[in-house]
Each structure stands twice: as C-alpha cells, then as structure tokens.
Amino acid sequence: MEIIKFDKTHLDKVYIQEEQKHELENGAFFRAEHSFTIVDEGNVVGVFGFFEIYKGRVVVFSFISAKAGKHLFSLAKLLRKIIDDGMQKTDIDRVEMEVVKGFDHGERFAKLLGFECEGVLKKYYKGMDYKIFARIK
C-alpha cells in the first residue's frame, strides 16, 4: 500500500459509499492543504486528508472505497499512524472527524483510527445529523 499526492481524478476511481456521495458536492476536501490518495496494487482504495480549522485544531476526512474490503484494517493502521505522527510532531491538540449519523461503516472506521464520539451535530450538513469524533492530545 502506498500514499501518493491527491488528484481530483482519483475520486473517479474510488467506489464511493452511498452514505458519502452527498459530501462530494461540498468539495471542501479539494481545498484541503494536505490530501492524499491511498493505492494498493494499482487500485485506489481511498482518499484521505486534513485541513486546519485554527492553530492546533484539524479536521480529517476520508473517502474509503466500498470495495476496500481486505485492505480496511491495514488502511486504518496506516492512517492512524499518520494521525499519531502528526499529533506527536506538531502543535496539533485536537483532530476531528465528522460522520453522517447512521453511517455505521464510517463510525467504525473513526473508532479504528482512535477517535471517540463526542456527540451529534444536528442538521449539520444538508439537513442531516452528523456525529463528531475527536482525538485529543
């Protein structure tokens, strides 16, 4: 598994999970300072990135292919290491991840990355509720 620089065309190669398709319209991830594509054996298995809200607070996002299957745990291990390293080597105190409420795969993935649920953001995006997950240094 390798990480390469993100390009918008990589999203065409990710089998976006139904619960995330509406988020593609937002496009905030296109403006993220740090976006990456995860590739395994020539196949794009996901897109991951983060952007700083303000000093010490970062929001991460991911689009993991619905076909990631056997790669899920190694992918989570890799991304968790990136987050761990970022928190250890910088002044980042808080990392957040938002998951549409009811998207069980997304919630499980957030927990695999070491995030804890802090609550629900009511009507957060397009009238939908989201759960907010965080990791605190």
Protein backbone atom coordinates (compact mmCIF):
# COMPACT_ATOMS: atom_id res chain seq x y z
CA MET A 1 0.00 0.00 0.00
CA GLU A 2 1.35 3.42 -0.90
CA ILE A 3 0.34 7.03 -0.45
CA ILE A 4 0.51 9.38 -3.41
CA LYS A 5 -0.40 13.02 -3.92
CA PHE A 6 -4.15 13.51 -4.36
CA ASP A 7 -5.57 14.43 -7.76
CA LYS A 8 -9.28 15.09 -8.38
CA THR A 9 -9.36 12.31 -10.95
CA HIS A 10 -8.61 9.78 -8.20
CA LEU A 11 -12.16 10.18 -6.88
CA ASP A 12 -13.43 8.67 -10.12
CA LYS A 13 -11.53 5.51 -9.17
CA VAL A 14 -12.97 5.21 -5.66
CA TYR A 15 -16.23 3.32 -5.29
CA ILE A 16 -17.79 5.99 -3.05
CA GLN A 17 -20.05 4.58 -0.38
CA GLU A 18 -23.68 5.61 -0.75
CA GLU A 19 -23.68 7.43 2.61
CA GLN A 20 -20.87 9.73 1.42
CA LYS A 21 -21.98 10.63 -2.09
CA HIS A 22 -23.70 13.83 -0.95
CA GLU A 23 -20.41 15.03 0.55
CA LEU A 24 -18.76 15.14 -2.85
CA GLU A 25 -20.89 18.21 -3.61
CA ASN A 26 -19.32 20.09 -0.69
CA GLY A 27 -15.84 19.84 -2.16
CA ALA A 28 -14.10 21.16 0.96
CA PHE A 29 -11.58 18.35 0.62
CA PHE A 30 -10.46 19.82 -2.72
CA ARG A 31 -9.26 22.85 -0.78
CA ALA A 32 -7.53 20.88 1.97
CA GLU A 33 -3.88 21.73 2.42
CA HIS A 34 -3.00 18.06 2.74
CA SER A 35 -4.81 15.45 0.65
CA PHE A 36 -3.56 12.02 -0.29
CA THR A 37 -4.63 9.02 -2.29
CA ILE A 38 -4.07 5.52 -0.99
CA VAL A 39 -3.24 2.98 -3.68
CA ASP A 40 -2.78 -0.76 -3.42
CA GLU A 41 -1.64 -2.90 -6.34
CA GLY A 42 -2.56 -0.07 -8.72
CA ASN A 43 -6.09 0.33 -7.31
CA VAL A 44 -7.27 3.44 -5.50
CA VAL A 45 -8.67 2.26 -2.17
CA GLY A 46 -9.29 5.66 -0.66
CA VAL A 47 -8.68 9.36 -0.36
CA PHE A 48 -7.67 10.95 2.93
CA GLY A 49 -6.73 14.42 4.02
CA PHE A 50 -6.95 17.14 6.58
CA PHE A 51 -7.20 20.86 6.95
CA GLU A 52 -6.54 23.17 9.85
CA ILE A 53 -9.53 24.99 11.30
CA TYR A 54 -7.29 27.09 13.52
CA LYS A 55 -3.94 26.60 15.23
CA GLY A 56 -3.94 23.26 16.98
CA ARG A 57 -7.30 22.04 15.61
CA VAL A 58 -7.51 19.87 12.49
CA VAL A 59 -10.38 18.17 10.68
CA VAL A 60 -9.69 14.96 8.78
CA PHE A 61 -11.79 13.44 6.02
CA SER A 62 -11.75 10.18 4.14
CA PHE A 63 -13.48 8.53 1.24
CA ILE A 64 -12.76 4.84 1.60
CA SER A 65 -13.83 2.64 -1.27
CA ALA A 66 -16.78 0.38 -0.58
CA LYS A 67 -14.59 -2.26 -2.24
CA ALA A 68 -11.67 -1.71 0.17
CA GLY A 69 -12.61 -4.99 1.90
CA LYS A 70 -9.42 -6.83 2.76
CA HIS A 71 -7.50 -3.55 2.90
CA LEU A 72 -9.61 -1.92 5.60
CA PHE A 73 -7.55 -2.84 8.67
CA SER A 74 -4.17 -2.18 7.05
CA LEU A 75 -5.58 1.09 5.70
CA ALA A 76 -6.82 2.08 9.16
CA LYS A 77 -3.44 1.18 10.66
CA LEU A 78 -1.64 3.34 8.09
CA LEU A 79 -3.94 6.34 8.54
CA ARG A 80 -3.87 6.04 12.32
CA LYS A 81 -0.06 6.20 12.17
CA ILE A 82 -0.23 9.35 10.04
CA ILE A 83 -2.56 10.97 12.59
CA ASP A 84 -0.41 9.78 15.52
CA ASP A 85 2.76 11.15 13.92
CA GLY A 86 1.07 14.45 13.11
CA MET A 87 -0.10 14.90 16.68
CA GLN A 88 3.29 13.95 18.15
CA LYS A 89 5.43 16.07 15.83
CA THR A 90 3.32 19.24 15.67
CA ASP A 91 1.30 21.55 17.87
CA ILE A 92 -1.96 19.83 16.93
CA ASP A 93 -4.01 19.30 20.11
CA ARG A 94 -7.29 18.22 18.57
CA VAL A 95 -8.19 16.19 15.49
CA GLU A 96 -11.83 15.90 14.46
CA MET A 97 -13.74 13.67 12.08
CA GLU A 98 -17.41 14.09 11.19
CA VAL A 99 -19.54 11.11 10.13
CA VAL A 100 -23.14 11.23 8.95
CA LYS A 101 -25.29 9.75 11.70
CA GLY A 102 -26.31 6.20 10.87
CA PHE A 103 -23.31 5.54 8.61
CA ASP A 104 -22.14 2.55 10.63
CA HIS A 105 -19.09 1.80 8.47
CA GLY A 106 -17.89 5.39 8.88
CA GLU A 107 -18.40 5.30 12.64
CA ARG A 108 -16.47 2.02 12.95
CA PHE A 109 -13.68 3.44 10.79
CA ALA A 110 -13.44 6.54 13.00
CA LYS A 111 -13.09 4.28 16.04
CA LEU A 112 -10.41 2.20 14.28
CA LEU A 113 -8.50 5.47 13.82
CA GLY A 114 -8.67 6.08 17.57
CA PHE A 115 -11.45 8.67 17.58
CA GLU A 116 -14.10 8.92 20.30
CA CYS A 117 -17.60 10.17 19.65
CA GLU A 118 -18.30 13.49 21.35
CA GLY A 119 -21.91 13.91 20.29
CA VAL A 120 -24.31 14.75 17.50
CA LEU A 121 -24.32 17.88 15.34
CA LYS A 122 -28.00 18.43 14.48
CA LYS A 123 -28.82 19.37 10.87
CA TYR A 124 -25.11 19.88 10.28
CA TYR A 125 -24.98 19.47 6.51
CA LYS A 126 -27.91 19.40 4.07
CA GLY A 127 -30.30 18.91 6.97
CA MET A 128 -28.55 15.74 8.09
CA ASP A 129 -27.28 14.99 11.56
CA TYR A 130 -23.61 14.11 11.93
CA LYS A 131 -21.65 12.55 14.75
CA ILE A 132 -18.49 14.35 15.70
CA PHE A 133 -15.50 12.26 16.66
CA ALA A 134 -12.27 13.63 18.15
CA ARG A 135 -8.81 12.71 19.28
CA ILE A 136 -7.25 14.93 21.91
CA LYS A 137 -3.53 15.18 22.69
